[in-house]
Amino acid sequence: MADTDEPDWLSKDELWAWQALATVLMRLPGILDTQLQRDAGINFFEYLVLSGLSMAPDRTMRMSELADAAQGSLSRLSQGVARLEKRGWVRRCPDPADGRYTLATLTNDGLAMVTATAPGHAQAVRRHVISPLTKTQQRQLQAISNRIVDTFDY
């Protein structure tokens, strides 16, 4: 019988895999933030908000759904949307179907900004994530990422 007090340490190969992923997790957001700050004066999270709205029907989503789409908490989303509202790119209003919810809508100026910013962002993603991988590795990355996400408790 195994000693339950002994930690379940990572093997050498597991540790190397984890360290490689941790490096990506820590460095890639900063790389993407730098490109987006330079090109549009926004961070990666704000770009995810604008991009999510640009793909939504009528460029509108409930804030709770938008938080999920942008991978952020409602608090973080509220702060980000407030910054985007000040720039005239997003507007908020109560949901006419259910006033308990708030809708976020991408304005025409916001759509123009995200449309102008998307090519540079796509180029950064291609350079740092897509191009270093073969087509097979790209499919593996998607499968691996989905398997990891499936373990998350929301």
N, C-alpha and C. Protein backbone atom coordinates (compact mmCIF):
# COMPACT_ATOMS: atom_id res chain seq x y z
N MET A 1 0.84 -1.19 0.00
CA MET A 1 0.00 0.00 0.00
C MET A 1 0.89 1.25 0.00
N ALA A 2 0.53 2.23 -0.80
CA ALA A 2 1.33 3.44 -0.94
C ALA A 2 1.19 4.31 0.30
N ASP A 3 2.28 4.99 0.64
CA ASP A 3 2.28 5.92 1.76
C ASP A 3 1.53 7.19 1.31
N THR A 4 0.38 7.47 1.90
CA THR A 4 -0.44 8.61 1.47
C THR A 4 0.15 9.95 1.91
N ASP A 5 1.14 9.94 2.80
CA ASP A 5 1.77 11.19 3.22
C ASP A 5 2.83 11.66 2.23
N GLU A 6 3.27 10.77 1.34
CA GLU A 6 4.32 11.11 0.38
C GLU A 6 3.70 11.89 -0.79
N PRO A 7 4.25 13.06 -1.11
CA PRO A 7 3.73 13.84 -2.26
C PRO A 7 3.85 13.05 -3.56
N ASP A 8 2.93 13.29 -4.44
CA ASP A 8 2.96 12.65 -5.77
C ASP A 8 3.79 13.55 -6.69
N TRP A 9 5.12 13.45 -6.56
CA TRP A 9 6.03 14.32 -7.30
C TRP A 9 5.94 14.05 -8.80
N LEU A 10 6.20 15.08 -9.58
CA LEU A 10 6.27 14.93 -11.03
C LEU A 10 7.56 14.19 -11.40
N SER A 11 7.45 13.33 -12.42
CA SER A 11 8.65 12.69 -12.94
C SER A 11 9.47 13.76 -13.67
N LYS A 12 10.67 13.39 -14.05
CA LYS A 12 11.54 14.33 -14.77
C LYS A 12 10.87 14.78 -16.07
N ASP A 13 10.31 13.85 -16.83
CA ASP A 13 9.64 14.21 -18.09
C ASP A 13 8.40 15.06 -17.84
N GLU A 14 7.63 14.72 -16.80
CA GLU A 14 6.44 15.52 -16.46
C GLU A 14 6.85 16.94 -16.05
N LEU A 15 7.91 17.05 -15.29
CA LEU A 15 8.39 18.36 -14.86
C LEU A 15 8.83 19.20 -16.05
N TRP A 16 9.54 18.59 -16.99
CA TRP A 16 9.97 19.32 -18.19
C TRP A 16 8.76 19.79 -19.01
N ALA A 17 7.76 18.91 -19.15
CA ALA A 17 6.55 19.29 -19.89
C ALA A 17 5.85 20.46 -19.19
N TRP A 18 5.74 20.36 -17.86
CA TRP A 18 5.09 21.42 -17.11
C TRP A 18 5.87 22.73 -17.22
N GLN A 19 7.18 22.69 -17.10
CA GLN A 19 7.98 23.90 -17.17
C GLN A 19 7.87 24.56 -18.55
N ALA A 20 7.82 23.75 -19.59
CA ALA A 20 7.66 24.30 -20.94
C ALA A 20 6.32 25.01 -21.07
N LEU A 21 5.25 24.38 -20.59
CA LEU A 21 3.93 24.99 -20.65
C LEU A 21 3.87 26.25 -19.78
N ALA A 22 4.45 26.18 -18.59
CA ALA A 22 4.45 27.34 -17.70
C ALA A 22 5.14 28.54 -18.35
N THR A 23 6.21 28.29 -19.08
CA THR A 23 6.90 29.37 -19.79
C THR A 23 5.97 30.01 -20.82
N VAL A 24 5.25 29.19 -21.57
CA VAL A 24 4.29 29.72 -22.55
C VAL A 24 3.21 30.53 -21.84
N LEU A 25 2.66 29.96 -20.75
CA LEU A 25 1.59 30.64 -20.02
C LEU A 25 2.03 31.99 -19.46
N MET A 26 3.27 32.09 -19.05
CA MET A 26 3.75 33.32 -18.44
C MET A 26 4.22 34.35 -19.47
N ARG A 27 4.82 33.91 -20.55
CA ARG A 27 5.42 34.86 -21.50
C ARG A 27 4.51 35.28 -22.64
N LEU A 28 3.67 34.37 -23.15
CA LEU A 28 2.85 34.69 -24.32
C LEU A 28 1.88 35.85 -24.07
N PRO A 29 1.17 35.89 -22.94
CA PRO A 29 0.27 37.04 -22.73
C PRO A 29 1.00 38.38 -22.80
N GLY A 30 2.20 38.46 -22.26
CA GLY A 30 2.96 39.71 -22.31
C GLY A 30 3.35 40.08 -23.73
N ILE A 31 3.72 39.08 -24.51
CA ILE A 31 4.07 39.32 -25.91
C ILE A 31 2.86 39.86 -26.67
N LEU A 32 1.70 39.25 -26.45
CA LEU A 32 0.48 39.71 -27.13
C LEU A 32 0.05 41.08 -26.62
N ASP A 33 0.17 41.31 -25.31
CA ASP A 33 -0.14 42.63 -24.76
C ASP A 33 0.74 43.72 -25.39
N THR A 34 2.02 43.44 -25.53
CA THR A 34 2.95 44.42 -26.09
C THR A 34 2.53 44.81 -27.51
N GLN A 35 2.21 43.81 -28.33
CA GLN A 35 1.78 44.09 -29.71
C GLN A 35 0.50 44.91 -29.73
N LEU A 36 -0.47 44.53 -28.90
CA LEU A 36 -1.75 45.23 -28.89
C LEU A 36 -1.64 46.63 -28.30
N GLN A 37 -0.80 46.80 -27.28
CA GLN A 37 -0.57 48.14 -26.72
C GLN A 37 0.06 49.05 -27.78
N ARG A 38 1.04 48.50 -28.48
CA ARG A 38 1.73 49.29 -29.53
C ARG A 38 0.76 49.67 -30.65
N ASP A 39 -0.04 48.71 -31.11
CA ASP A 39 -0.90 48.94 -32.27
C ASP A 39 -2.21 49.65 -31.95
N ALA A 40 -2.76 49.42 -30.74
CA ALA A 40 -4.10 49.93 -30.48
C ALA A 40 -4.29 50.54 -29.09
N GLY A 41 -3.29 50.45 -28.23
CA GLY A 41 -3.42 51.00 -26.89
C GLY A 41 -4.34 50.19 -25.99
N ILE A 42 -4.48 48.91 -26.29
CA ILE A 42 -5.32 48.02 -25.47
C ILE A 42 -4.51 46.80 -25.06
N ASN A 43 -5.03 46.07 -24.07
CA ASN A 43 -4.37 44.84 -23.68
C ASN A 43 -5.08 43.64 -24.31
N PHE A 44 -4.49 42.47 -24.12
CA PHE A 44 -5.01 41.24 -24.72
C PHE A 44 -6.45 40.96 -24.27
N PHE A 45 -6.73 41.15 -22.98
CA PHE A 45 -8.08 40.91 -22.48
C PHE A 45 -9.08 41.83 -23.16
N GLU A 46 -8.74 43.11 -23.28
CA GLU A 46 -9.64 44.06 -23.94
C GLU A 46 -9.85 43.68 -25.40
N TYR A 47 -8.80 43.18 -26.04
CA TYR A 47 -8.94 42.73 -27.43
C TYR A 47 -9.91 41.55 -27.49
N LEU A 48 -9.81 40.60 -26.54
CA LEU A 48 -10.74 39.47 -26.52
C LEU A 48 -12.18 39.94 -26.36
N VAL A 49 -12.39 40.97 -25.55
CA VAL A 49 -13.73 41.54 -25.36
C VAL A 49 -14.24 42.11 -26.68
N LEU A 50 -13.43 42.96 -27.31
CA LEU A 50 -13.85 43.59 -28.57
C LEU A 50 -14.06 42.56 -29.67
N SER A 51 -13.15 41.59 -29.75
CA SER A 51 -13.26 40.54 -30.76
C SER A 51 -14.52 39.69 -30.54
N GLY A 52 -14.77 39.34 -29.28
CA GLY A 52 -15.97 38.56 -28.97
C GLY A 52 -17.23 39.29 -29.37
N LEU A 53 -17.29 40.58 -29.06
CA LEU A 53 -18.46 41.37 -29.45
C LEU A 53 -18.58 41.49 -30.96
N SER A 54 -17.45 41.60 -31.65
CA SER A 54 -17.50 41.76 -33.12
C SER A 54 -18.09 40.53 -33.79
N MET A 55 -18.00 39.38 -33.16
CA MET A 55 -18.52 38.14 -33.75
C MET A 55 -19.92 37.77 -33.25
N ALA A 56 -20.43 38.53 -32.30
CA ALA A 56 -21.75 38.24 -31.73
C ALA A 56 -22.86 38.80 -32.62
N PRO A 57 -24.03 38.17 -32.59
CA PRO A 57 -25.17 38.73 -33.34
C PRO A 57 -25.44 40.17 -32.88
N ASP A 58 -25.62 41.04 -33.82
CA ASP A 58 -25.85 42.47 -33.56
C ASP A 58 -24.71 43.09 -32.74
N ARG A 59 -23.55 42.41 -32.71
CA ARG A 59 -22.38 42.89 -31.96
C ARG A 59 -22.72 43.16 -30.50
N THR A 60 -23.62 42.34 -29.94
CA THR A 60 -24.13 42.54 -28.58
C THR A 60 -24.14 41.21 -27.82
N MET A 61 -23.73 41.27 -26.56
CA MET A 61 -23.77 40.10 -25.68
C MET A 61 -24.11 40.54 -24.27
N ARG A 62 -24.72 39.62 -23.51
CA ARG A 62 -24.87 39.86 -22.08
C ARG A 62 -23.47 39.86 -21.47
N MET A 63 -23.28 40.69 -20.47
CA MET A 63 -21.97 40.79 -19.83
C MET A 63 -21.53 39.43 -19.28
N SER A 64 -22.43 38.65 -18.73
CA SER A 64 -22.05 37.34 -18.18
C SER A 64 -21.54 36.42 -19.27
N GLU A 65 -22.16 36.45 -20.43
CA GLU A 65 -21.70 35.62 -21.56
C GLU A 65 -20.37 36.14 -22.11
N LEU A 66 -20.23 37.46 -22.14
CA LEU A 66 -19.00 38.06 -22.63
C LEU A 66 -17.82 37.74 -21.71
N ALA A 67 -18.06 37.70 -20.41
CA ALA A 67 -17.01 37.33 -19.46
C ALA A 67 -16.50 35.92 -19.77
N ASP A 68 -17.42 35.01 -20.03
CA ASP A 68 -17.02 33.64 -20.40
C ASP A 68 -16.24 33.63 -21.71
N ALA A 69 -16.72 34.37 -22.69
CA ALA A 69 -16.06 34.39 -24.00
C ALA A 69 -14.66 34.98 -23.92
N ALA A 70 -14.46 35.97 -23.05
CA ALA A 70 -13.16 36.63 -22.93
C ALA A 70 -12.29 35.98 -21.85
N GLN A 71 -12.80 34.92 -21.23
CA GLN A 71 -12.04 34.19 -20.20
C GLN A 71 -11.70 35.06 -19.01
N GLY A 72 -12.67 35.84 -18.54
CA GLY A 72 -12.43 36.71 -17.39
C GLY A 72 -13.61 36.70 -16.43
N SER A 73 -13.38 37.22 -15.26
CA SER A 73 -14.44 37.35 -14.27
C SER A 73 -15.34 38.54 -14.65
N LEU A 74 -16.53 38.58 -14.06
CA LEU A 74 -17.41 39.72 -14.30
C LEU A 74 -16.78 41.02 -13.81
N SER A 75 -16.06 40.96 -12.70
CA SER A 75 -15.40 42.15 -12.17
C SER A 75 -14.34 42.67 -13.14
N ARG A 76 -13.50 41.76 -13.63
CA ARG A 76 -12.47 42.17 -14.59
C ARG A 76 -13.11 42.70 -15.87
N LEU A 77 -14.17 42.03 -16.32
CA LEU A 77 -14.86 42.48 -17.53
C LEU A 77 -15.44 43.87 -17.33
N SER A 78 -16.08 44.09 -16.18
CA SER A 78 -16.69 45.39 -15.93
C SER A 78 -15.66 46.50 -15.98
N GLN A 79 -14.48 46.28 -15.41
CA GLN A 79 -13.42 47.28 -15.45
C GLN A 79 -12.92 47.49 -16.88
N GLY A 80 -12.74 46.39 -17.62
CA GLY A 80 -12.28 46.50 -19.00
C GLY A 80 -13.28 47.21 -19.89
N VAL A 81 -14.55 46.86 -19.74
CA VAL A 81 -15.59 47.49 -20.55
C VAL A 81 -15.69 48.97 -20.21
N ALA A 82 -15.50 49.33 -18.95
CA ALA A 82 -15.53 50.75 -18.57
C ALA A 82 -14.44 51.52 -19.33
N ARG A 83 -13.25 50.93 -19.44
CA ARG A 83 -12.17 51.60 -20.19
C ARG A 83 -12.54 51.70 -21.67
N LEU A 84 -13.14 50.65 -22.22
CA LEU A 84 -13.52 50.65 -23.63
C LEU A 84 -14.68 51.62 -23.89
N GLU A 85 -15.58 51.77 -22.93
CA GLU A 85 -16.67 52.75 -23.04
C GLU A 85 -16.11 54.18 -23.13
N LYS A 86 -15.11 54.47 -22.31
CA LYS A 86 -14.52 55.81 -22.31
C LYS A 86 -13.93 56.16 -23.67
N ARG A 87 -13.51 55.15 -24.41
CA ARG A 87 -12.94 55.38 -25.73
C ARG A 87 -14.01 55.36 -26.83
N GLY A 88 -15.26 55.08 -26.44
CA GLY A 88 -16.36 55.08 -27.39
C GLY A 88 -16.47 53.79 -28.20
N TRP A 89 -15.85 52.73 -27.75
CA TRP A 89 -15.83 51.48 -28.52
C TRP A 89 -16.90 50.49 -28.08
N VAL A 90 -17.39 50.63 -26.87
CA VAL A 90 -18.43 49.74 -26.33
C VAL A 90 -19.43 50.60 -25.58
N ARG A 91 -20.67 50.17 -25.58
CA ARG A 91 -21.67 50.82 -24.73
C ARG A 91 -22.45 49.73 -24.00
N ARG A 92 -22.89 50.07 -22.80
CA ARG A 92 -23.67 49.14 -21.97
C ARG A 92 -25.07 49.69 -21.78
N CYS A 93 -26.03 48.77 -21.68
CA CYS A 93 -27.41 49.14 -21.38
C CYS A 93 -28.11 47.94 -20.76
N PRO A 94 -29.19 48.19 -20.03
CA PRO A 94 -29.95 47.06 -19.48
C PRO A 94 -30.53 46.20 -20.61
N ASP A 95 -30.61 44.92 -20.38
CA ASP A 95 -31.20 43.99 -21.35
C ASP A 95 -32.71 44.22 -21.35
N PRO A 96 -33.30 44.66 -22.49
CA PRO A 96 -34.75 44.92 -22.52
C PRO A 96 -35.58 43.66 -22.28
N ALA A 97 -35.00 42.48 -22.56
CA ALA A 97 -35.72 41.23 -22.34
C ALA A 97 -35.73 40.83 -20.87
N ASP A 98 -34.73 41.28 -20.12
CA ASP A 98 -34.63 40.95 -18.69
C ASP A 98 -33.68 41.96 -18.05
N GLY A 99 -34.25 42.95 -17.39
CA GLY A 99 -33.50 44.05 -16.83
C GLY A 99 -32.47 43.66 -15.77
N ARG A 100 -32.48 42.40 -15.35
CA ARG A 100 -31.47 41.96 -14.38
C ARG A 100 -30.10 41.82 -15.05
N TYR A 101 -30.09 41.79 -16.37
CA TYR A 101 -28.84 41.61 -17.11
C TYR A 101 -28.44 42.91 -17.79
N THR A 102 -27.15 43.02 -18.05
CA THR A 102 -26.61 44.17 -18.77
C THR A 102 -26.06 43.67 -20.10
N LEU A 103 -26.35 44.41 -21.16
CA LEU A 103 -25.83 44.10 -22.48
C LEU A 103 -24.63 44.99 -22.78
N ALA A 104 -23.66 44.43 -23.45
CA ALA A 104 -22.54 45.20 -23.98
C ALA A 104 -22.64 45.15 -25.50
N THR A 105 -22.48 46.30 -26.13
CA THR A 105 -22.58 46.39 -27.59
C THR A 105 -21.34 47.08 -28.14
N LEU A 106 -20.78 46.49 -29.18
CA LEU A 106 -19.64 47.08 -29.87
C LEU A 106 -20.16 48.19 -30.78
N THR A 107 -19.61 49.39 -30.61
CA THR A 107 -20.03 50.52 -31.44
C THR A 107 -19.37 50.42 -32.81
N ASN A 108 -19.81 51.29 -33.71
CA ASN A 108 -19.18 51.34 -35.04
C ASN A 108 -17.70 51.69 -34.92
N ASP A 109 -17.38 52.63 -34.04
CA ASP A 109 -15.97 52.98 -33.83
C ASP A 109 -15.19 51.79 -33.26
N GLY A 110 -15.82 51.05 -32.37
CA GLY A 110 -15.18 49.86 -31.81
C GLY A 110 -14.93 48.81 -32.87
N LEU A 111 -15.90 48.62 -33.75
CA LEU A 111 -15.74 47.66 -34.85
C LEU A 111 -14.60 48.09 -35.77
N ALA A 112 -14.54 49.37 -36.07
CA ALA A 112 -13.46 49.87 -36.92
C ALA A 112 -12.10 49.64 -36.26
N MET A 113 -12.02 49.86 -34.95
CA MET A 113 -10.76 49.67 -34.24
C MET A 113 -10.35 48.20 -34.22
N VAL A 114 -11.27 47.31 -33.89
CA VAL A 114 -10.91 45.89 -33.82
C VAL A 114 -10.59 45.35 -35.22
N THR A 115 -11.26 45.84 -36.23
CA THR A 115 -10.97 45.43 -37.61
C THR A 115 -9.58 45.88 -38.03
N ALA A 116 -9.20 47.08 -37.62
CA ALA A 116 -7.86 47.59 -37.95
C ALA A 116 -6.77 46.87 -37.15
N THR A 117 -7.08 46.43 -35.95
CA THR A 117 -6.11 45.81 -35.06
C THR A 117 -5.94 44.31 -35.33
N ALA A 118 -6.97 43.66 -35.83
CA ALA A 118 -6.96 42.20 -36.01
C ALA A 118 -5.80 41.68 -36.86
N PRO A 119 -5.44 42.31 -37.97
CA PRO A 119 -4.33 41.77 -38.76
C PRO A 119 -3.01 41.70 -38.00
N GLY A 120 -2.69 42.73 -37.22
CA GLY A 120 -1.46 42.72 -36.44
C GLY A 120 -1.49 41.65 -35.36
N HIS A 121 -2.66 41.48 -34.74
CA HIS A 121 -2.80 40.45 -33.72
C HIS A 121 -2.65 39.06 -34.35
N ALA A 122 -3.31 38.86 -35.48
CA ALA A 122 -3.20 37.57 -36.17
C ALA A 122 -1.75 37.28 -36.56
N GLN A 123 -1.03 38.31 -36.98
CA GLN A 123 0.38 38.14 -37.34
C GLN A 123 1.21 37.73 -36.11
N ALA A 124 0.93 38.34 -34.95
CA ALA A 124 1.66 37.98 -33.73
C ALA A 124 1.34 36.54 -33.31
N VAL A 125 0.07 36.16 -33.39
CA VAL A 125 -0.31 34.79 -33.05
C VAL A 125 0.35 33.80 -34.01
N ARG A 126 0.32 34.14 -35.28
CA ARG A 126 0.97 33.26 -36.28
C ARG A 126 2.46 33.12 -35.97
N ARG A 127 3.13 34.23 -35.69
CA ARG A 127 4.58 34.20 -35.46
C ARG A 127 4.94 33.37 -34.22
N HIS A 128 4.19 33.57 -33.14
CA HIS A 128 4.60 32.97 -31.87
C HIS A 128 3.93 31.64 -31.55
N VAL A 129 2.83 31.31 -32.22
CA VAL A 129 2.12 30.07 -31.89
C VAL A 129 1.95 29.15 -33.09
N ILE A 130 1.49 29.66 -34.20
CA ILE A 130 1.11 28.82 -35.34
C ILE A 130 2.32 28.41 -36.19
N SER A 131 3.09 29.37 -36.64
CA SER A 131 4.20 29.07 -37.58
C SER A 131 5.27 28.13 -37.03
N PRO A 132 5.60 28.16 -35.74
CA PRO A 132 6.62 27.23 -35.26
C PRO A 132 6.16 25.76 -35.28
N LEU A 133 4.87 25.53 -35.51
CA LEU A 133 4.32 24.18 -35.45
C LEU A 133 3.96 23.65 -36.83
N THR A 134 4.07 22.33 -36.99
CA THR A 134 3.57 21.69 -38.20
C THR A 134 2.04 21.64 -38.11
N LYS A 135 1.38 21.31 -39.21
CA LYS A 135 -0.08 21.17 -39.19
C LYS A 135 -0.50 20.11 -38.17
N THR A 136 0.25 19.02 -38.12
CA THR A 136 -0.06 17.96 -37.15
C THR A 136 0.09 18.49 -35.72
N GLN A 137 1.16 19.23 -35.46
CA GLN A 137 1.36 19.79 -34.13
C GLN A 137 0.28 20.81 -33.77
N GLN A 138 -0.21 21.56 -34.76
CA GLN A 138 -1.30 22.50 -34.51
C GLN A 138 -2.55 21.76 -34.05
N ARG A 139 -2.87 20.65 -34.73
CA ARG A 139 -4.02 19.84 -34.33
C ARG A 139 -3.79 19.23 -32.94
N GLN A 140 -2.57 18.80 -32.67
CA GLN A 140 -2.24 18.25 -31.35
C GLN A 140 -2.36 19.33 -30.27
N LEU A 141 -1.89 20.54 -30.56
CA LEU A 141 -2.00 21.64 -29.61
C LEU A 141 -3.46 21.89 -29.26
N GLN A 142 -4.32 21.90 -30.26
CA GLN A 142 -5.75 22.10 -30.02
C GLN A 142 -6.30 20.97 -29.15
N ALA A 143 -5.97 19.74 -29.47
CA ALA A 143 -6.47 18.59 -28.70
C ALA A 143 -5.94 18.62 -27.27
N ILE A 144 -4.66 18.90 -27.12
CA ILE A 144 -4.06 18.97 -25.78
C ILE A 144 -4.70 20.10 -24.97
N SER A 145 -4.84 21.26 -25.57
CA SER A 145 -5.44 22.40 -24.87
C SER A 145 -6.86 22.07 -24.44
N ASN A 146 -7.64 21.46 -25.33
CA ASN A 146 -9.02 21.10 -24.99
C ASN A 146 -9.07 20.09 -23.85
N ARG A 147 -8.14 19.13 -23.84
CA ARG A 147 -8.11 18.14 -22.76
C ARG A 147 -7.80 18.81 -21.43
N ILE A 148 -6.88 19.76 -21.43
CA ILE A 148 -6.55 20.48 -20.20
C ILE A 148 -7.75 21.30 -19.74
N VAL A 149 -8.37 22.03 -20.66
CA VAL A 149 -9.53 22.86 -20.31
C VAL A 149 -10.67 22.00 -19.74
N ASP A 150 -10.82 20.80 -20.26
CA ASP A 150 -11.88 19.91 -19.77
C ASP A 150 -11.73 19.56 -18.29
N THR A 151 -10.52 19.72 -17.72
CA THR A 151 -10.30 19.42 -16.30
C THR A 151 -10.67 20.60 -15.41
N PHE A 152 -10.90 21.79 -15.99
CA PHE A 152 -11.16 22.98 -15.21
C PHE A 152 -12.56 22.94 -14.59
N ASP A 153 -12.65 23.35 -13.36
CA ASP A 153 -13.95 23.52 -12.71
C ASP A 153 -14.33 24.98 -12.84
N TYR A 154 -15.48 25.24 -13.39
CA TYR A 154 -15.92 26.62 -13.57
C TYR A 154 -16.90 27.01 -12.52
